[in-house]
Amino acid sequence: MSLTIDEAQEFIISHVRDWTQGGTVLAKANYDIHLNTTVDVHIDKHKIPTSYPSNNKGQSKCIFRFVFADALWDLCRKGILRPGTNSNPSST
């Protein structure tokens, strides 16, 4: 399965909307959106097997991590998100 930056951004933005209803599942520790958590939620939601293209489970996660990192940074660059920790985390 291939994932574009635009698709990753749509996934992130759809979860950011959850903040208005009490938090997002993408949050972890002092981060409103945590990269590894975002990748795990995406893989779980879309029931993506993490064992392809080889038997290395981390390989497909690594590919998604690059796409989501680019998507998150682009959202920061556009001023939609701000990089860094949240000093007052709403969801841990």
PDB file of N, CA and C in Angstrom:
ATOM      1  N   MET A   1       0.843  -1.181   0.000  1.00  0.00           N
ATOM      2  CA  MET A   1       0.000   0.000   0.000  1.00  0.00           C
ATOM      3  C   MET A   1       0.881   1.233   0.000  1.00  0.00           C
ATOM      4  N   SER A   2       0.590   2.136  -0.911  1.00  0.00           N
ATOM      5  CA  SER A   2       1.329   3.390  -0.927  1.00  0.00           C
ATOM      6  C   SER A   2       0.474   4.469  -0.265  1.00  0.00           C
ATOM      7  N   LEU A   3       1.136   5.419   0.323  1.00  0.00           N
ATOM      8  CA  LEU A   3       0.477   6.509   1.035  1.00  0.00           C
ATOM      9  C   LEU A   3       1.121   7.805   0.594  1.00  0.00           C
ATOM     10  N   THR A   4       0.307   8.759   0.178  1.00  0.00           N
ATOM     11  CA  THR A   4       0.840  10.051  -0.231  1.00  0.00           C
ATOM     12  C   THR A   4       0.840  11.006   0.966  1.00  0.00           C
ATOM     13  N   ILE A   5       1.582  12.079   0.829  1.00  0.00           N
ATOM     14  CA  ILE A   5       1.609  13.101   1.879  1.00  0.00           C
ATOM     15  C   ILE A   5       0.217  13.707   2.054  1.00  0.00           C
ATOM     16  N   ASP A   6      -0.491  13.920   0.956  1.00  0.00           N
ATOM     17  CA  ASP A   6      -1.847  14.478   1.046  1.00  0.00           C
ATOM     18  C   ASP A   6      -2.776  13.552   1.824  1.00  0.00           C
ATOM     19  N   GLU A   7      -2.695  12.252   1.585  1.00  0.00           N
ATOM     20  CA  GLU A   7      -3.524  11.293   2.316  1.00  0.00           C
ATOM     21  C   GLU A   7      -3.155  11.275   3.801  1.00  0.00           C
ATOM     22  N   ALA A   8      -1.865  11.358   4.085  1.00  0.00           N
ATOM     23  CA  ALA A   8      -1.418  11.392   5.483  1.00  0.00           C
ATOM     24  C   ALA A   8      -1.927  12.656   6.168  1.00  0.00           C
ATOM     25  N   GLN A   9      -1.893  13.778   5.468  1.00  0.00           N
ATOM     26  CA  GLN A   9      -2.400  15.026   6.047  1.00  0.00           C
ATOM     27  C   GLN A   9      -3.904  14.961   6.288  1.00  0.00           C
ATOM     28  N   GLU A  10      -4.646  14.356   5.386  1.00  0.00           N
ATOM     29  CA  GLU A  10      -6.087  14.194   5.589  1.00  0.00           C
ATOM     30  C   GLU A  10      -6.350  13.348   6.830  1.00  0.00           C
ATOM     31  N   PHE A  11      -5.571  12.286   7.024  1.00  0.00           N
ATOM     32  CA  PHE A  11      -5.713  11.424   8.195  1.00  0.00           C
ATOM     33  C   PHE A  11      -5.435  12.219   9.472  1.00  0.00           C
ATOM     34  N   ILE A  12      -4.362  12.995   9.463  1.00  0.00           N
ATOM     35  CA  ILE A  12      -3.987  13.801  10.637  1.00  0.00           C
ATOM     36  C   ILE A  12      -5.064  14.834  10.936  1.00  0.00           C
ATOM     37  N   ILE A  13      -5.496  15.557   9.926  1.00  0.00           N
ATOM     38  CA  ILE A  13      -6.490  16.615  10.119  1.00  0.00           C
ATOM     39  C   ILE A  13      -7.811  16.033  10.612  1.00  0.00           C
ATOM     40  N   SER A  14      -8.187  14.863  10.124  1.00  0.00           N
ATOM     41  CA  SER A  14      -9.438  14.256  10.597  1.00  0.00           C
ATOM     42  C   SER A  14      -9.362  13.936  12.088  1.00  0.00           C
ATOM     43  N   HIS A  15      -8.167  13.600  12.575  1.00  0.00           N
ATOM     44  CA  HIS A  15      -8.002  13.323  14.001  1.00  0.00           C
ATOM     45  C   HIS A  15      -7.826  14.600  14.817  1.00  0.00           C
ATOM     46  N   VAL A  16      -7.302  15.639  14.211  1.00  0.00           N
ATOM     47  CA  VAL A  16      -7.179  16.922  14.904  1.00  0.00           C
ATOM     48  C   VAL A  16      -8.573  17.460  15.222  1.00  0.00           C
ATOM     49  N   ARG A  17      -9.525  17.191  14.362  1.00  0.00           N
ATOM     50  CA  ARG A  17     -10.908  17.629  14.620  1.00  0.00           C
ATOM     51  C   ARG A  17     -11.452  17.009  15.901  1.00  0.00           C
ATOM     52  N   ASP A  18     -10.921  15.860  16.311  1.00  0.00           N
ATOM     53  CA  ASP A  18     -11.371  15.202  17.541  1.00  0.00           C
ATOM     54  C   ASP A  18     -11.055  16.036  18.780  1.00  0.00           C
ATOM     55  N   TRP A  19     -10.106  16.971  18.693  1.00  0.00           N
ATOM     56  CA  TRP A  19      -9.754  17.800  19.840  1.00  0.00           C
ATOM     57  C   TRP A  19     -10.957  18.558  20.364  1.00  0.00           C
ATOM     58  N   THR A  20     -11.859  18.944  19.467  1.00  0.00           N
ATOM     59  CA  THR A  20     -13.039  19.686  19.905  1.00  0.00           C
ATOM     60  C   THR A  20     -13.971  18.818  20.733  1.00  0.00           C
ATOM     61  N   GLN A  21     -13.760  17.511  20.690  1.00  0.00           N
ATOM     62  CA  GLN A  21     -14.613  16.583  21.433  1.00  0.00           C
ATOM     63  C   GLN A  21     -13.826  15.889  22.540  1.00  0.00           C
ATOM     64  N   GLY A  22     -12.750  16.519  23.016  1.00  0.00           N
ATOM     65  CA  GLY A  22     -12.073  16.007  24.196  1.00  0.00           C
ATOM     66  C   GLY A  22     -10.765  15.301  23.979  1.00  0.00           C
ATOM     67  N   GLY A  23     -10.106  15.509  22.884  1.00  0.00           N
ATOM     68  CA  GLY A  23      -8.783  14.917  22.707  1.00  0.00           C
ATOM     69  C   GLY A  23      -8.679  14.088  21.444  1.00  0.00           C
ATOM     70  N   THR A  24      -7.483  13.627  21.185  1.00  0.00           N
ATOM     71  CA  THR A  24      -7.224  12.827  19.997  1.00  0.00           C
ATOM     72  C   THR A  24      -6.436  11.585  20.377  1.00  0.00           C
ATOM     73  N   VAL A  25      -6.631  10.521  19.635  1.00  0.00           N
ATOM     74  CA  VAL A  25      -5.894   9.279  19.903  1.00  0.00           C
ATOM     75  C   VAL A  25      -4.448   9.375  19.424  1.00  0.00           C
ATOM     76  N   LEU A  26      -4.108  10.459  18.739  1.00  0.00           N
ATOM     77  CA  LEU A  26      -2.747  10.624  18.236  1.00  0.00           C
ATOM     78  C   LEU A  26      -1.815  11.220  19.278  1.00  0.00           C
ATOM     79  N   ALA A  27      -2.360  11.637  20.421  1.00  0.00           N
ATOM     80  CA  ALA A  27      -1.561  12.279  21.462  1.00  0.00           C
ATOM     81  C   ALA A  27      -0.807  11.247  22.296  1.00  0.00           C
ATOM     82  N   LYS A  28       0.350  11.673  22.801  1.00  0.00           N
ATOM     83  CA  LYS A  28       1.137  10.840  23.700  1.00  0.00           C
ATOM     84  C   LYS A  28       2.085  11.752  24.467  1.00  0.00           C
ATOM     85  N   ALA A  29       2.164  11.531  25.772  1.00  0.00           N
ATOM     86  CA  ALA A  29       3.035  12.328  26.646  1.00  0.00           C
ATOM     87  C   ALA A  29       2.698  13.811  26.463  1.00  0.00           C
ATOM     88  N   ASN A  30       3.676  14.639  26.167  1.00  0.00           N
ATOM     89  CA  ASN A  30       3.446  16.077  26.005  1.00  0.00           C
ATOM     90  C   ASN A  30       3.271  16.479  24.545  1.00  0.00           C
ATOM     91  N   TYR A  31       2.887  15.544  23.700  1.00  0.00           N
ATOM     92  CA  TYR A  31       2.709  15.830  22.286  1.00  0.00           C
ATOM     93  C   TYR A  31       1.242  15.663  21.913  1.00  0.00           C
ATOM     94  N   ASP A  32       0.672  16.655  21.249  1.00  0.00           N
ATOM     95  CA  ASP A  32      -0.708  16.546  20.775  1.00  0.00           C
ATOM     96  C   ASP A  32      -0.789  15.539  19.634  1.00  0.00           C
ATOM     97  N   ILE A  33       0.257  15.488  18.819  1.00  0.00           N
ATOM     98  CA  ILE A  33       0.342  14.492  17.751  1.00  0.00           C
ATOM     99  C   ILE A  33       1.725  13.854  17.853  1.00  0.00           C
ATOM    100  N   HIS A  34       1.743  12.571  18.127  1.00  0.00           N
ATOM    101  CA  HIS A  34       2.987  11.821  18.289  1.00  0.00           C
ATOM    102  C   HIS A  34       3.187  10.985  17.032  1.00  0.00           C
ATOM    103  N   LEU A  35       4.351  11.110  16.387  1.00  0.00           N
ATOM    104  CA  LEU A  35       4.598  10.471  15.096  1.00  0.00           C
ATOM    105  C   LEU A  35       4.381   8.959  15.138  1.00  0.00           C
ATOM    106  N   ASN A  36       5.022   8.262  16.067  1.00  0.00           N
ATOM    107  CA  ASN A  36       4.904   6.803  16.100  1.00  0.00           C
ATOM    108  C   ASN A  36       3.476   6.364  16.423  1.00  0.00           C
ATOM    109  N   THR A  37       2.793   7.101  17.292  1.00  0.00           N
ATOM    110  CA  THR A  37       1.403   6.786  17.608  1.00  0.00           C
ATOM    111  C   THR A  37       0.528   6.988  16.383  1.00  0.00           C
ATOM    112  N   THR A  38       0.780   8.047  15.633  1.00  0.00           N
ATOM    113  CA  THR A  38       0.028   8.318  14.410  1.00  0.00           C
ATOM    114  C   THR A  38       0.175   7.182  13.419  1.00  0.00           C
ATOM    115  N   VAL A  39       1.396   6.703  13.242  1.00  0.00           N
ATOM    116  CA  VAL A  39       1.644   5.580  12.326  1.00  0.00           C
ATOM    117  C   VAL A  39       0.906   4.336  12.808  1.00  0.00           C
ATOM    118  N   ASP A  40       0.989   4.038  14.101  1.00  0.00           N
ATOM    119  CA  ASP A  40       0.308   2.850  14.645  1.00  0.00           C
ATOM    120  C   ASP A  40      -1.203   2.937  14.466  1.00  0.00           C
ATOM    121  N   VAL A  41      -1.788   4.107  14.722  1.00  0.00           N
ATOM    122  CA  VAL A  41      -3.239   4.282  14.567  1.00  0.00           C
ATOM    123  C   VAL A  41      -3.634   4.108  13.104  1.00  0.00           C
ATOM    124  N   HIS A  42      -2.849   4.670  12.200  1.00  0.00           N
ATOM    125  CA  HIS A  42      -3.137   4.538  10.767  1.00  0.00           C
ATOM    126  C   HIS A  42      -3.092   3.065  10.341  1.00  0.00           C
ATOM    127  N   ILE A  43      -2.067   2.357  10.770  1.00  0.00           N
ATOM    128  CA  ILE A  43      -1.921   0.937  10.416  1.00  0.00           C
ATOM    129  C   ILE A  43      -3.091   0.124  10.981  1.00  0.00           C
ATOM    130  N   ASP A  44      -3.458   0.391  12.227  1.00  0.00           N
ATOM    131  CA  ASP A  44      -4.570  -0.336  12.851  1.00  0.00           C
ATOM    132  C   ASP A  44      -5.900  -0.012  12.175  1.00  0.00           C
ATOM    133  N   LYS A  45      -6.137   1.263  11.912  1.00  0.00           N
ATOM    134  CA  LYS A  45      -7.414   1.681  11.323  1.00  0.00           C
ATOM    135  C   LYS A  45      -7.625   1.070   9.941  1.00  0.00           C
ATOM    136  N   HIS A  46      -6.570   1.006   9.165  1.00  0.00           N
ATOM    137  CA  HIS A  46      -6.676   0.504   7.795  1.00  0.00           C
ATOM    138  C   HIS A  46      -6.317  -0.976   7.674  1.00  0.00           C
ATOM    139  N   LYS A  47      -6.076  -1.605   8.813  1.00  0.00           N
ATOM    140  CA  LYS A  47      -5.767  -3.042   8.861  1.00  0.00           C
ATOM    141  C   LYS A  47      -4.659  -3.411   7.860  1.00  0.00           C
ATOM    142  N   ILE A  48      -3.596  -2.643   7.920  1.00  0.00           N
ATOM    143  CA  ILE A  48      -2.464  -2.842   7.016  1.00  0.00           C
ATOM    144  C   ILE A  48      -1.542  -3.897   7.615  1.00  0.00           C
ATOM    145  N   PRO A  49      -1.255  -4.943   6.876  1.00  0.00           N
ATOM    146  CA  PRO A  49      -0.311  -5.940   7.405  1.00  0.00           C
ATOM    147  C   PRO A  49       1.077  -5.326   7.518  1.00  0.00           C
ATOM    148  N   THR A  50       1.694  -5.482   8.664  1.00  0.00           N
ATOM    149  CA  THR A  50       3.004  -4.871   8.872  1.00  0.00           C
ATOM    150  C   THR A  50       4.134  -5.829   8.552  1.00  0.00           C
ATOM    151  N   SER A  51       3.819  -6.909   7.861  1.00  0.00           N
ATOM    152  CA  SER A  51       4.868  -7.885   7.562  1.00  0.00           C
ATOM    153  C   SER A  51       5.306  -7.847   6.101  1.00  0.00           C
ATOM    154  N   TYR A  52       4.746  -6.969   5.296  1.00  0.00           N
ATOM    155  CA  TYR A  52       5.212  -6.871   3.922  1.00  0.00           C
ATOM    156  C   TYR A  52       6.101  -5.667   3.780  1.00  0.00           C
ATOM    157  N   PRO A  53       7.006  -5.530   2.856  1.00  0.00           N
ATOM    158  CA  PRO A  53       7.329  -6.444   1.775  1.00  0.00           C
ATOM    159  C   PRO A  53       8.239  -7.589   2.192  1.00  0.00           C
ATOM    160  N   SER A  54       8.629  -7.611   3.430  1.00  0.00           N
ATOM    161  CA  SER A  54       9.449  -8.725   3.914  1.00  0.00           C
ATOM    162  C   SER A  54       8.878  -9.162   5.250  1.00  0.00           C
ATOM    163  N   ASN A  55       9.571 -10.009   5.952  1.00  0.00           N
ATOM    164  CA  ASN A  55       9.118 -10.443   7.260  1.00  0.00           C
ATOM    165  C   ASN A  55       9.505  -9.471   8.362  1.00  0.00           C
ATOM    166  N   ASN A  56      10.177  -8.392   8.027  1.00  0.00           N
ATOM    167  CA  ASN A  56      10.589  -7.392   9.007  1.00  0.00           C
ATOM    168  C   ASN A  56       9.411  -6.480   9.328  1.00  0.00           C
ATOM    169  N   LYS A  57       8.816  -6.653  10.512  1.00  0.00           N
ATOM    170  CA  LYS A  57       7.630  -5.891  10.895  1.00  0.00           C
ATOM    171  C   LYS A  57       7.875  -4.397  10.864  1.00  0.00           C
ATOM    172  N   GLY A  58       9.051  -3.968  11.233  1.00  0.00           N
ATOM    173  CA  GLY A  58       9.336  -2.551  11.296  1.00  0.00           C
ATOM    174  C   GLY A  58       9.528  -1.878   9.956  1.00  0.00           C
ATOM    175  N   GLN A  59       9.732  -2.647   8.898  1.00  0.00           N
ATOM    176  CA  GLN A  59      10.037  -2.046   7.606  1.00  0.00           C
ATOM    177  C   GLN A  59       8.861  -1.234   7.060  1.00  0.00           C
ATOM    178  N   SER A  60       7.659  -1.761   7.077  1.00  0.00           N
ATOM    179  CA  SER A  60       6.531  -0.997   6.550  1.00  0.00           C
ATOM    180  C   SER A  60       6.195   0.173   7.470  1.00  0.00           C
ATOM    181  N   LYS A  61       6.388   0.011   8.789  1.00  0.00           N
ATOM    182  CA  LYS A  61       6.182   1.124   9.707  1.00  0.00           C
ATOM    183  C   LYS A  61       7.157   2.249   9.399  1.00  0.00           C
ATOM    184  N   CYS A  62       8.365   1.895   9.060  1.00  0.00           N
ATOM    185  CA  CYS A  62       9.390   2.890   8.747  1.00  0.00           C
ATOM    186  C   CYS A  62       8.988   3.698   7.516  1.00  0.00           C
ATOM    187  N   ILE A  63       8.442   3.027   6.518  1.00  0.00           N
ATOM    188  CA  ILE A  63       8.008   3.711   5.297  1.00  0.00           C
ATOM    189  C   ILE A  63       6.900   4.706   5.631  1.00  0.00           C
ATOM    190  N   PHE A  64       5.909   4.278   6.419  1.00  0.00           N
ATOM    191  CA  PHE A  64       4.827   5.171   6.813  1.00  0.00           C
ATOM    192  C   PHE A  64       5.342   6.316   7.676  1.00  0.00           C
ATOM    193  N   ARG A  65       6.328   6.038   8.519  1.00  0.00           N
ATOM    194  CA  ARG A  65       6.882   7.078   9.393  1.00  0.00           C
ATOM    195  C   ARG A  65       7.469   8.216   8.561  1.00  0.00           C
ATOM    196  N   PHE A  66       8.159   7.885   7.460  1.00  0.00           N
ATOM    197  CA  PHE A  66       8.717   8.933   6.596  1.00  0.00           C
ATOM    198  C   PHE A  66       7.612   9.789   5.989  1.00  0.00           C
ATOM    199  N   VAL A  67       6.543   9.152   5.513  1.00  0.00           N
ATOM    200  CA  VAL A  67       5.451   9.900   4.881  1.00  0.00           C
ATOM    201  C   VAL A  67       4.751  10.786   5.907  1.00  0.00           C
ATOM    202  N   PHE A  68       4.450  10.227   7.098  1.00  0.00           N
ATOM    203  CA  PHE A  68       3.779  11.031   8.118  1.00  0.00           C
ATOM    204  C   PHE A  68       4.686  12.138   8.646  1.00  0.00           C
ATOM    205  N   ALA A  69       5.976  11.906   8.739  1.00  0.00           N
ATOM    206  CA  ALA A  69       6.898  12.969   9.166  1.00  0.00           C
ATOM    207  C   ALA A  69       6.873  14.119   8.159  1.00  0.00           C
ATOM    208  N   ASP A  70       6.894  13.791   6.879  1.00  0.00           N
ATOM    209  CA  ASP A  70       6.810  14.829   5.846  1.00  0.00           C
ATOM    210  C   ASP A  70       5.469  15.568   5.918  1.00  0.00           C
ATOM    211  N   ALA A  71       4.391  14.816   6.135  1.00  0.00           N
ATOM    212  CA  ALA A  71       3.061  15.421   6.205  1.00  0.00           C
ATOM    213  C   ALA A  71       2.953  16.352   7.412  1.00  0.00           C
ATOM    214  N   LEU A  72       3.446  15.900   8.561  1.00  0.00           N
ATOM    215  CA  LEU A  72       3.401  16.727   9.765  1.00  0.00           C
ATOM    216  C   LEU A  72       4.241  17.991   9.599  1.00  0.00           C
ATOM    217  N   TRP A  73       5.436  17.831   9.049  1.00  0.00           N
ATOM    218  CA  TRP A  73       6.294  19.000   8.873  1.00  0.00           C
ATOM    219  C   TRP A  73       5.675  19.990   7.895  1.00  0.00           C
ATOM    220  N   ASP A  74       5.034  19.496   6.832  1.00  0.00           N
ATOM    221  CA  ASP A  74       4.382  20.385   5.881  1.00  0.00           C
ATOM    222  C   ASP A  74       3.250  21.150   6.553  1.00  0.00           C
ATOM    223  N   LEU A  75       2.493  20.489   7.438  1.00  0.00           N
ATOM    224  CA  LEU A  75       1.443  21.180   8.178  1.00  0.00           C
ATOM    225  C   LEU A  75       2.033  22.237   9.119  1.00  0.00           C
ATOM    226  N   CYS A  76       3.201  21.967   9.673  1.00  0.00           N
ATOM    227  CA  CYS A  76       3.893  22.971  10.500  1.00  0.00           C
ATOM    228  C   CYS A  76       4.362  24.137   9.646  1.00  0.00           C
ATOM    229  N   ARG A  77       4.920  23.813   8.501  1.00  0.00           N
ATOM    230  CA  ARG A  77       5.425  24.842   7.598  1.00  0.00           C
ATOM    231  C   ARG A  77       4.308  25.777   7.133  1.00  0.00           C
ATOM    232  N   LYS A  78       3.098  25.225   6.981  1.00  0.00           N
ATOM    233  CA  LYS A  78       1.943  26.020   6.551  1.00  0.00           C
ATOM    234  C   LYS A  78       1.297  26.782   7.704  1.00  0.00           C
ATOM    235  N   GLY A  79       1.771  26.538   8.940  1.00  0.00           N
ATOM    236  CA  GLY A  79       1.232  27.231  10.097  1.00  0.00           C
ATOM    237  C   GLY A  79      -0.003  26.580  10.693  1.00  0.00           C
ATOM    238  N   ILE A  80      -0.313  25.365  10.270  1.00  0.00           N
ATOM    239  CA  ILE A  80      -1.486  24.652  10.786  1.00  0.00           C
ATOM    240  C   ILE A  80      -1.150  23.987  12.115  1.00  0.00           C
ATOM    241  N   LEU A  81       0.036  23.436  12.217  1.00  0.00           N
ATOM    242  CA  LEU A  81       0.526  22.833  13.452  1.00  0.00           C
ATOM    243  C   LEU A  81       1.776  23.575  13.897  1.00  0.00           C
ATOM    244  N   ARG A  82       2.138  23.387  15.161  1.00  0.00           N
ATOM    245  CA  ARG A  82       3.358  23.985  15.684  1.00  0.00           C
ATOM    246  C   ARG A  82       4.213  22.863  16.271  1.00  0.00           C
ATOM    247  N   PRO A  83       5.484  22.772  15.858  1.00  0.00           N
ATOM    248  CA  PRO A  83       6.340  21.702  16.388  1.00  0.00           C
ATOM    249  C   PRO A  83       6.704  21.958  17.844  1.00  0.00           C
ATOM    250  N   GLY A  84       6.966  20.897  18.565  1.00  0.00           N
ATOM    251  CA  GLY A  84       7.390  21.020  19.956  1.00  0.00           C
ATOM    252  C   GLY A  84       6.430  20.327  20.897  1.00  0.00           C
ATOM    253  N   THR A  85       6.744  20.453  22.170  1.00  0.00           N
ATOM    254  CA  THR A  85       5.906  19.821  23.195  1.00  0.00           C
ATOM    255  C   THR A  85       4.794  20.760  23.627  1.00  0.00           C
ATOM    256  N   ASN A  86       3.769  20.152  24.164  1.00  0.00           N
ATOM    257  CA  ASN A  86       2.637  20.895  24.704  1.00  0.00           C
ATOM    258  C   ASN A  86       2.868  21.047  26.190  1.00  0.00           C
ATOM    259  N   SER A  87       2.965  22.259  26.662  1.00  0.00           N
ATOM    260  CA  SER A  87       3.247  22.481  28.083  1.00  0.00           C
ATOM    261  C   SER A  87       2.036  22.174  28.966  1.00  0.00           C
ATOM    262  N   ASN A  88       0.861  22.076  28.362  1.00  0.00           N
ATOM    263  CA  ASN A  88      -0.352  21.760  29.104  1.00  0.00           C
ATOM    264  C   ASN A  88      -1.099  20.655  28.359  1.00  0.00           C
ATOM    265  N   PRO A  89      -0.608  19.409  28.433  1.00  0.00           N
ATOM    266  CA  PRO A  89      -1.220  18.331  27.643  1.00  0.00           C
ATOM    267  C   PRO A  89      -2.650  18.052  28.060  1.00  0.00           C
ATOM    268  N   SER A  90      -3.501  17.915  27.071  1.00  0.00           N
ATOM    269  CA  SER A  90      -4.909  17.621  27.345  1.00  0.00           C
ATOM    270  C   SER A  90      -5.166  16.121  27.354  1.00  0.00           C
ATOM    271  N   SER A  91      -4.279  15.364  26.734  1.00  0.00           N
ATOM    272  CA  SER A  91      -4.469  13.916  26.653  1.00  0.00           C
ATOM    273  C   SER A  91      -3.126  13.242  26.779  1.00  0.00           C
ATOM    274  N   THR A  92      -2.971  12.363  27.767  1.00  0.00           N
ATOM    275  CA  THR A  92      -1.696  11.658  27.941  1.00  0.00           C
ATOM    276  C   THR A  92      -1.916  10.184  27.970  1.00  0.00           C
TER     277      THR A  92
END
